[in-house]
Amino acid sequence: DAGMQHYWYVEDEDSSAVVHVYELDGPTGVYA
């Protein structure tokens, strides 16, 4: 909603880092 273009979500998966990457979709205004 604030218009931040890139969002990365880092979580632990069996003691390893996993990164979920999202990019803001301009027409819809939601992360893809």
PDB file of all heavy atoms in Angstrom:
ATOM      1  N   ASP A   1       0.823  -1.216   0.000  1.00  0.00           N
ATOM      2  CA  ASP A   1       0.000   0.000   0.000  1.00  0.00           C
ATOM      3  C   ASP A   1       0.854   1.261   0.000  1.00  0.00           C
ATOM      4  O   ASP A   1       0.472   2.281  -0.576  1.00  0.00           O
ATOM      5  CB  ASP A   1      -0.948   0.029   1.203  1.00  0.00           C
ATOM      6  CG  ASP A   1      -2.074  -0.987   1.107  1.00  0.00           C
ATOM      7  OD1 ASP A   1      -2.296  -1.549   0.005  1.00  0.00           O
ATOM      8  OD2 ASP A   1      -2.727  -1.231   2.148  1.00  0.00           O
ATOM      9  N   ALA A   2       2.028   1.184   0.633  1.00  0.00           N
ATOM     10  CA  ALA A   2       2.931   2.337   0.696  1.00  0.00           C
ATOM     11  C   ALA A   2       3.726   2.510  -0.598  1.00  0.00           C
ATOM     12  O   ALA A   2       4.382   3.522  -0.787  1.00  0.00           O
ATOM     13  CB  ALA A   2       3.879   2.196   1.880  1.00  0.00           C
ATOM     14  N   GLY A   3       3.682   1.488  -1.470  1.00  0.00           N
ATOM     15  CA  GLY A   3       4.368   1.587  -2.754  1.00  0.00           C
ATOM     16  C   GLY A   3       5.810   1.128  -2.754  1.00  0.00           C
ATOM     17  O   GLY A   3       6.563   1.426  -3.682  1.00  0.00           O
ATOM     18  N   MET A   4       6.215   0.384  -1.731  1.00  0.00           N
ATOM     19  CA  MET A   4       7.586  -0.134  -1.681  1.00  0.00           C
ATOM     20  C   MET A   4       7.718  -1.249  -2.712  1.00  0.00           C
ATOM     21  O   MET A   4       6.968  -2.220  -2.676  1.00  0.00           O
ATOM     22  CB  MET A   4       7.917  -0.592  -0.275  1.00  0.00           C
ATOM     23  CG  MET A   4       7.908   0.550   0.698  1.00  0.00           C
ATOM     24  SD  MET A   4       8.270   0.009   2.359  1.00  0.00           S
ATOM     25  CE  MET A   4       8.070   1.530   3.260  1.00  0.00           C
ATOM     26  N   GLN A   5       8.644  -1.092  -3.624  1.00  0.00           N
ATOM     27  CA  GLN A   5       8.735  -1.948  -4.812  1.00  0.00           C
ATOM     28  C   GLN A   5       9.182  -3.384  -4.542  1.00  0.00           C
ATOM     29  O   GLN A   5       8.767  -4.295  -5.239  1.00  0.00           O
ATOM     30  CB  GLN A   5       9.696  -1.318  -5.825  1.00  0.00           C
ATOM     31  CG  GLN A   5       9.215   0.011  -6.361  1.00  0.00           C
ATOM     32  CD  GLN A   5       7.937  -0.139  -7.164  1.00  0.00           C
ATOM     33  OE1 GLN A   5       7.852  -0.939  -8.077  1.00  0.00           O
ATOM     34  NE2 GLN A   5       6.930   0.631  -6.803  1.00  0.00           N
ATOM     35  N   HIS A   6      10.041  -3.587  -3.549  1.00  0.00           N
ATOM     36  CA  HIS A   6      10.616  -4.922  -3.329  1.00  0.00           C
ATOM     37  C   HIS A   6      10.512  -5.306  -1.856  1.00  0.00           C
ATOM     38  O   HIS A   6      10.838  -4.519  -0.970  1.00  0.00           O
ATOM     39  CB  HIS A   6      12.084  -4.940  -3.763  1.00  0.00           C
ATOM     40  CG  HIS A   6      12.254  -4.576  -5.196  1.00  0.00           C
ATOM     41  ND1 HIS A   6      12.166  -5.494  -6.221  1.00  0.00           N
ATOM     42  CD2 HIS A   6      12.488  -3.382  -5.791  1.00  0.00           C
ATOM     43  CE1 HIS A   6      12.339  -4.876  -7.369  1.00  0.00           C
ATOM     44  NE2 HIS A   6      12.537  -3.596  -7.136  1.00  0.00           N
ATOM     45  N   TYR A   7      10.056  -6.541  -1.618  1.00  0.00           N
ATOM     46  CA  TYR A   7       9.883  -7.069  -0.266  1.00  0.00           C
ATOM     47  C   TYR A   7      10.479  -8.461  -0.224  1.00  0.00           C
ATOM     48  O   TYR A   7      10.123  -9.317  -1.041  1.00  0.00           O
ATOM     49  CB  TYR A   7       8.393  -7.117   0.087  1.00  0.00           C
ATOM     50  CG  TYR A   7       8.079  -7.684   1.451  1.00  0.00           C
ATOM     51  CD1 TYR A   7       8.313  -6.932   2.597  1.00  0.00           C
ATOM     52  CD2 TYR A   7       7.542  -8.954   1.599  1.00  0.00           C
ATOM     53  CE1 TYR A   7       8.005  -7.445   3.856  1.00  0.00           C
ATOM     54  CE2 TYR A   7       7.236  -9.463   2.846  1.00  0.00           C
ATOM     55  CZ  TYR A   7       7.469  -8.706   3.973  1.00  0.00           C
ATOM     56  OH  TYR A   7       7.173  -9.213   5.215  1.00  0.00           O
ATOM     57  N   TRP A   8      11.426  -8.669   0.683  1.00  0.00           N
ATOM     58  CA  TRP A   8      12.024  -9.993   0.876  1.00  0.00           C
ATOM     59  C   TRP A   8      11.701 -10.460   2.282  1.00  0.00           C
ATOM     60  O   TRP A   8      11.838  -9.730   3.251  1.00  0.00           O
ATOM     61  CB  TRP A   8      13.532  -9.961   0.697  1.00  0.00           C
ATOM     62  CG  TRP A   8      14.007  -9.582  -0.673  1.00  0.00           C
ATOM     63  CD1 TRP A   8      13.252  -9.283  -1.771  1.00  0.00           C
ATOM     64  CD2 TRP A   8      15.362  -9.449  -1.085  1.00  0.00           C
ATOM     65  NE1 TRP A   8      14.047  -8.981  -2.829  1.00  0.00           N
ATOM     66  CE2 TRP A   8      15.358  -9.074  -2.446  1.00  0.00           C
ATOM     67  CE3 TRP A   8      16.582  -9.607  -0.443  1.00  0.00           C
ATOM     68  CZ2 TRP A   8      16.521  -8.860  -3.163  1.00  0.00           C
ATOM     69  CZ3 TRP A   8      17.739  -9.396  -1.150  1.00  0.00           C
ATOM     70  CH2 TRP A   8      17.708  -9.033  -2.495  1.00  0.00           C
ATOM     71  N   TYR A   9      11.294 -11.713   2.381  1.00  0.00           N
ATOM     72  CA  TYR A   9      10.883 -12.335   3.630  1.00  0.00           C
ATOM     73  C   TYR A   9      11.851 -13.488   3.873  1.00  0.00           C
ATOM     74  O   TYR A   9      11.916 -14.420   3.070  1.00  0.00           O
ATOM     75  CB  TYR A   9       9.446 -12.817   3.422  1.00  0.00           C
ATOM     76  CG  TYR A   9       8.807 -13.604   4.523  1.00  0.00           C
ATOM     77  CD1 TYR A   9       8.015 -12.977   5.468  1.00  0.00           C
ATOM     78  CD2 TYR A   9       8.941 -14.981   4.592  1.00  0.00           C
ATOM     79  CE1 TYR A   9       7.378 -13.696   6.454  1.00  0.00           C
ATOM     80  CE2 TYR A   9       8.306 -15.708   5.584  1.00  0.00           C
ATOM     81  CZ  TYR A   9       7.531 -15.066   6.510  1.00  0.00           C
ATOM     82  OH  TYR A   9       6.904 -15.779   7.491  1.00  0.00           O
ATOM     83  N   VAL A  10      12.656 -13.399   4.929  1.00  0.00           N
ATOM     84  CA  VAL A  10      13.677 -14.406   5.223  1.00  0.00           C
ATOM     85  C   VAL A  10      13.195 -15.249   6.394  1.00  0.00           C
ATOM     86  O   VAL A  10      12.850 -14.711   7.448  1.00  0.00           O
ATOM     87  CB  VAL A  10      15.034 -13.761   5.577  1.00  0.00           C
ATOM     88  CG1 VAL A  10      16.098 -14.830   5.793  1.00  0.00           C
ATOM     89  CG2 VAL A  10      15.461 -12.775   4.494  1.00  0.00           C
ATOM     90  N   GLU A  11      13.188 -16.560   6.197  1.00  0.00           N
ATOM     91  CA  GLU A  11      12.760 -17.446   7.279  1.00  0.00           C
ATOM     92  C   GLU A  11      13.712 -18.622   7.411  1.00  0.00           C
ATOM     93  O   GLU A  11      14.515 -18.907   6.518  1.00  0.00           O
ATOM     94  CB  GLU A  11      11.337 -17.936   7.058  1.00  0.00           C
ATOM     95  CG  GLU A  11      11.165 -18.837   5.868  1.00  0.00           C
ATOM     96  CD  GLU A  11       9.735 -19.335   5.709  1.00  0.00           C
ATOM     97  OE1 GLU A  11       8.954 -19.281   6.674  1.00  0.00           O
ATOM     98  OE2 GLU A  11       9.404 -19.803   4.623  1.00  0.00           O
ATOM     99  N   ASP A  12      13.595 -19.295   8.535  1.00  0.00           N
ATOM    100  CA  ASP A  12      14.397 -20.484   8.815  1.00  0.00           C
ATOM    101  C   ASP A  12      13.625 -21.712   8.347  1.00  0.00           C
ATOM    102  O   ASP A  12      12.448 -21.859   8.657  1.00  0.00           O
ATOM    103  CB  ASP A  12      14.674 -20.572  10.319  1.00  0.00           C
ATOM    104  CG  ASP A  12      15.389 -21.859  10.672  1.00  0.00           C
ATOM    105  OD1 ASP A  12      16.588 -21.964  10.374  1.00  0.00           O
ATOM    106  OD2 ASP A  12      14.732 -22.769  11.234  1.00  0.00           O
ATOM    107  N   GLU A  13      14.307 -22.547   7.589  1.00  0.00           N
ATOM    108  CA  GLU A  13      13.717 -23.806   7.140  1.00  0.00           C
ATOM    109  C   GLU A  13      14.733 -24.892   7.424  1.00  0.00           C
ATOM    110  O   GLU A  13      15.743 -24.996   6.739  1.00  0.00           O
ATOM    111  CB  GLU A  13      13.401 -23.733   5.644  1.00  0.00           C
ATOM    112  CG  GLU A  13      12.743 -24.972   5.088  1.00  0.00           C
ATOM    113  CD  GLU A  13      12.459 -24.823   3.608  1.00  0.00           C
ATOM    114  OE1 GLU A  13      13.357 -25.140   2.811  1.00  0.00           O
ATOM    115  OE2 GLU A  13      11.347 -24.376   3.269  1.00  0.00           O
ATOM    116  N   ASP A  14      14.492 -25.673   8.465  1.00  0.00           N
ATOM    117  CA  ASP A  14      15.415 -26.741   8.856  1.00  0.00           C
ATOM    118  C   ASP A  14      16.835 -26.211   9.031  1.00  0.00           C
ATOM    119  O   ASP A  14      17.806 -26.768   8.520  1.00  0.00           O
ATOM    120  CB  ASP A  14      15.392 -27.882   7.838  1.00  0.00           C
ATOM    121  CG  ASP A  14      14.034 -28.528   7.729  1.00  0.00           C
ATOM    122  OD1 ASP A  14      13.343 -28.630   8.764  1.00  0.00           O
ATOM    123  OD2 ASP A  14      13.646 -28.931   6.615  1.00  0.00           O
ATOM    124  N   SER A  15      16.954 -25.088   9.747  1.00  0.00           N
ATOM    125  CA  SER A  15      18.233 -24.429  10.060  1.00  0.00           C
ATOM    126  C   SER A  15      18.947 -23.862   8.845  1.00  0.00           C
ATOM    127  O   SER A  15      20.162 -23.671   8.862  1.00  0.00           O
ATOM    128  CB  SER A  15      19.160 -25.380  10.823  1.00  0.00           C
ATOM    129  OG  SER A  15      18.564 -25.737  12.045  1.00  0.00           O
ATOM    130  N   SER A  16      18.213 -23.591   7.780  1.00  0.00           N
ATOM    131  CA  SER A  16      18.768 -22.933   6.597  1.00  0.00           C
ATOM    132  C   SER A  16      17.914 -21.712   6.265  1.00  0.00           C
ATOM    133  O   SER A  16      16.692 -21.734   6.438  1.00  0.00           O
ATOM    134  CB  SER A  16      18.759 -23.876   5.387  1.00  0.00           C
ATOM    135  OG  SER A  16      19.609 -24.970   5.609  1.00  0.00           O
ATOM    136  N   ALA A  17      18.574 -20.664   5.776  1.00  0.00           N
ATOM    137  CA  ALA A  17      17.852 -19.448   5.393  1.00  0.00           C
ATOM    138  C   ALA A  17      17.155 -19.655   4.052  1.00  0.00           C
ATOM    139  O   ALA A  17      17.753 -20.176   3.106  1.00  0.00           O
ATOM    140  CB  ALA A  17      18.810 -18.272   5.301  1.00  0.00           C
ATOM    141  N   VAL A  18      15.905 -19.259   3.995  1.00  0.00           N
ATOM    142  CA  VAL A  18      15.115 -19.279   2.765  1.00  0.00           C
ATOM    143  C   VAL A  18      14.571 -17.870   2.566  1.00  0.00           C
ATOM    144  O   VAL A  18      14.051 -17.264   3.505  1.00  0.00           O
ATOM    145  CB  VAL A  18      13.951 -20.288   2.859  1.00  0.00           C
ATOM    146  CG1 VAL A  18      13.079 -20.226   1.612  1.00  0.00           C
ATOM    147  CG2 VAL A  18      14.479 -21.693   3.068  1.00  0.00           C
ATOM    148  N   VAL A  19      14.694 -17.352   1.340  1.00  0.00           N
ATOM    149  CA  VAL A  19      14.243 -15.995   1.057  1.00  0.00           C
ATOM    150  C   VAL A  19      13.101 -16.039   0.050  1.00  0.00           C
ATOM    151  O   VAL A  19      13.249 -16.578  -1.047  1.00  0.00           O
ATOM    152  CB  VAL A  19      15.394 -15.116   0.510  1.00  0.00           C
ATOM    153  CG1 VAL A  19      14.893 -13.699   0.252  1.00  0.00           C
ATOM    154  CG2 VAL A  19      16.570 -15.116   1.468  1.00  0.00           C
ATOM    155  N   HIS A  20      11.971 -15.464   0.447  1.00  0.00           N
ATOM    156  CA  HIS A  20      10.803 -15.316  -0.420  1.00  0.00           C
ATOM    157  C   HIS A  20      10.861 -13.901  -0.975  1.00  0.00           C
ATOM    158  O   HIS A  20      10.885 -12.939  -0.211  1.00  0.00           O
ATOM    159  CB  HIS A  20       9.506 -15.522   0.368  1.00  0.00           C
ATOM    160  CG  HIS A  20       9.409 -16.870   1.007  1.00  0.00           C
ATOM    161  ND1 HIS A  20       8.668 -17.885   0.454  1.00  0.00           N
ATOM    162  CD2 HIS A  20       9.982 -17.373   2.131  1.00  0.00           C
ATOM    163  CE1 HIS A  20       8.780 -18.955   1.225  1.00  0.00           C
ATOM    164  NE2 HIS A  20       9.569 -18.666   2.244  1.00  0.00           N
ATOM    165  N   VAL A  21      10.888 -13.770  -2.295  1.00  0.00           N
ATOM    166  CA  VAL A  21      11.059 -12.474  -2.945  1.00  0.00           C
ATOM    167  C   VAL A  21       9.756 -12.056  -3.617  1.00  0.00           C
ATOM    168  O   VAL A  21       9.139 -12.846  -4.344  1.00  0.00           O
ATOM    169  CB  VAL A  21      12.208 -12.540  -3.977  1.00  0.00           C
ATOM    170  CG1 VAL A  21      12.307 -11.268  -4.781  1.00  0.00           C
ATOM    171  CG2 VAL A  21      13.529 -12.839  -3.270  1.00  0.00           C
ATOM    172  N   TYR A  22       9.360 -10.802  -3.373  1.00  0.00           N
ATOM    173  CA  TYR A  22       8.154 -10.237  -3.963  1.00  0.00           C
ATOM    174  C   TYR A  22       8.496  -8.928  -4.657  1.00  0.00           C
ATOM    175  O   TYR A  22       9.354  -8.179  -4.195  1.00  0.00           O
ATOM    176  CB  TYR A  22       7.101  -9.954  -2.890  1.00  0.00           C
ATOM    177  CG  TYR A  22       6.582 -11.188  -2.215  1.00  0.00           C
ATOM    178  CD1 TYR A  22       7.218 -11.704  -1.087  1.00  0.00           C
ATOM    179  CD2 TYR A  22       5.473 -11.849  -2.705  1.00  0.00           C
ATOM    180  CE1 TYR A  22       6.757 -12.851  -0.472  1.00  0.00           C
ATOM    181  CE2 TYR A  22       5.000 -12.996  -2.090  1.00  0.00           C
ATOM    182  CZ  TYR A  22       5.646 -13.491  -0.981  1.00  0.00           C
ATOM    183  OH  TYR A  22       5.188 -14.622  -0.378  1.00  0.00           O
ATOM    184  N   GLU A  23       7.795  -8.651  -5.745  1.00  0.00           N
ATOM    185  CA  GLU A  23       7.918  -7.379  -6.448  1.00  0.00           C
ATOM    186  C   GLU A  23       6.525  -6.778  -6.578  1.00  0.00           C
ATOM    187  O   GLU A  23       5.553  -7.489  -6.835  1.00  0.00           O
ATOM    188  CB  GLU A  23       8.535  -7.576  -7.826  1.00  0.00           C
ATOM    189  CG  GLU A  23       9.963  -8.061  -7.773  1.00  0.00           C
ATOM    190  CD  GLU A  23      10.560  -8.340  -9.143  1.00  0.00           C
ATOM    191  OE1 GLU A  23       9.872  -8.145 -10.168  1.00  0.00           O
ATOM    192  OE2 GLU A  23      11.724  -8.767  -9.182  1.00  0.00           O
ATOM    193  N   LEU A  24       6.452  -5.476  -6.403  1.00  0.00           N
ATOM    194  CA  LEU A  24       5.166  -4.792  -6.479  1.00  0.00           C
ATOM    195  C   LEU A  24       4.678  -4.745  -7.922  1.00  0.00           C
ATOM    196  O   LEU A  24       5.406  -4.332  -8.823  1.00  0.00           O
ATOM    197  CB  LEU A  24       5.298  -3.369  -5.927  1.00  0.00           C
ATOM    198  CG  LEU A  24       4.001  -2.617  -5.682  1.00  0.00           C
ATOM    199  CD1 LEU A  24       3.152  -3.325  -4.616  1.00  0.00           C
ATOM    200  CD2 LEU A  24       4.302  -1.198  -5.253  1.00  0.00           C
ATOM    201  N   ASP A  25       3.456  -5.192  -8.131  1.00  0.00           N
ATOM    202  CA  ASP A  25       2.836  -5.130  -9.446  1.00  0.00           C
ATOM    203  C   ASP A  25       2.136  -3.781  -9.572  1.00  0.00           C
ATOM    204  O   ASP A  25       1.197  -3.494  -8.826  1.00  0.00           O
ATOM    205  CB  ASP A  25       1.827  -6.274  -9.593  1.00  0.00           C
ATOM    206  CG  ASP A  25       1.117  -6.236 -10.924  1.00  0.00           C
ATOM    207  OD1 ASP A  25       1.800  -6.342 -11.960  1.00  0.00           O
ATOM    208  OD2 ASP A  25      -0.125  -6.063 -10.927  1.00  0.00           O
ATOM    209  N   GLY A  26       2.621  -2.953 -10.479  1.00  0.00           N
ATOM    210  CA  GLY A  26       2.097  -1.594 -10.633  1.00  0.00           C
ATOM    211  C   GLY A  26       0.605  -1.505 -10.862  1.00  0.00           C
ATOM    212  O   GLY A  26      -0.097  -0.777 -10.150  1.00  0.00           O
ATOM    213  N   PRO A  27       0.056  -2.227 -11.843  1.00  0.00           N
ATOM    214  CA  PRO A  27      -1.380  -2.099 -12.129  1.00  0.00           C
ATOM    215  C   PRO A  27      -2.293  -2.498 -10.967  1.00  0.00           C
ATOM    216  O   PRO A  27      -3.321  -1.881 -10.738  1.00  0.00           O
ATOM    217  CB  PRO A  27      -1.601  -3.018 -13.329  1.00  0.00           C
ATOM    218  CG  PRO A  27      -0.267  -3.110 -13.985  1.00  0.00           C
ATOM    219  CD  PRO A  27       0.732  -3.032 -12.864  1.00  0.00           C
ATOM    220  N   THR A  28      -1.907  -3.542 -10.216  1.00  0.00           N
ATOM    221  CA  THR A  28      -2.779  -4.011  -9.135  1.00  0.00           C
ATOM    222  C   THR A  28      -2.417  -3.425  -7.777  1.00  0.00           C
ATOM    223  O   THR A  28      -3.240  -3.417  -6.866  1.00  0.00           O
ATOM    224  CB  THR A  28      -2.741  -5.550  -9.026  1.00  0.00           C
ATOM    225  OG1 THR A  28      -1.415  -5.954  -8.654  1.00  0.00           O
ATOM    226  CG2 THR A  28      -3.161  -6.206 -10.318  1.00  0.00           C
ATOM    227  N   GLY A  29      -1.161  -2.977  -7.618  1.00  0.00           N
ATOM    228  CA  GLY A  29      -0.723  -2.433  -6.336  1.00  0.00           C
ATOM    229  C   GLY A  29      -0.501  -3.474  -5.264  1.00  0.00           C
ATOM    230  O   GLY A  29      -0.429  -3.157  -4.080  1.00  0.00           O
ATOM    231  N   VAL A  30      -0.375  -4.738  -5.654  1.00  0.00           N
ATOM    232  CA  VAL A  30      -0.093  -5.812  -4.696  1.00  0.00           C
ATOM    233  C   VAL A  30       1.206  -6.505  -5.085  1.00  0.00           C
ATOM    234  O   VAL A  30       1.662  -6.411  -6.225  1.00  0.00           O
ATOM    235  CB  VAL A  30      -1.247  -6.845  -4.612  1.00  0.00           C
ATOM    236  CG1 VAL A  30      -2.531  -6.191  -4.132  1.00  0.00           C
ATOM    237  CG2 VAL A  30      -1.462  -7.532  -5.932  1.00  0.00           C
ATOM    238  N   TYR A  31       1.780  -7.220  -4.129  1.00  0.00           N
ATOM    239  CA  TYR A  31       3.021  -7.928  -4.403  1.00  0.00           C
ATOM    240  C   TYR A  31       2.760  -9.205  -5.192  1.00  0.00           C
ATOM    241  O   TYR A  31       1.804  -9.933  -4.923  1.00  0.00           O
ATOM    242  CB  TYR A  31       3.747  -8.296  -3.115  1.00  0.00           C
ATOM    243  CG  TYR A  31       4.441  -7.133  -2.466  1.00  0.00           C
ATOM    244  CD1 TYR A  31       4.061  -6.686  -1.209  1.00  0.00           C
ATOM    245  CD2 TYR A  31       5.481  -6.478  -3.115  1.00  0.00           C
ATOM    246  CE1 TYR A  31       4.705  -5.621  -0.609  1.00  0.00           C
ATOM    247  CE2 TYR A  31       6.129  -5.407  -2.520  1.00  0.00           C
ATOM    248  CZ  TYR A  31       5.740  -4.991  -1.275  1.00  0.00           C
ATOM    249  OH  TYR A  31       6.377  -3.931  -0.694  1.00  0.00           O
ATOM    250  N   ALA A  32       3.647  -9.458  -6.147  1.00  0.00           N
ATOM    251  CA  ALA A  32       3.621 -10.703  -6.903  1.00  0.00           C
ATOM    252  C   ALA A  32       4.874 -11.487  -6.534  1.00  0.00           C
ATOM    253  O   ALA A  32       5.960 -10.908  -6.432  1.00  0.00           O
ATOM    254  CB  ALA A  32       3.619 -10.412  -8.402  1.00  0.00           C
TER     255      ALA A  32
END
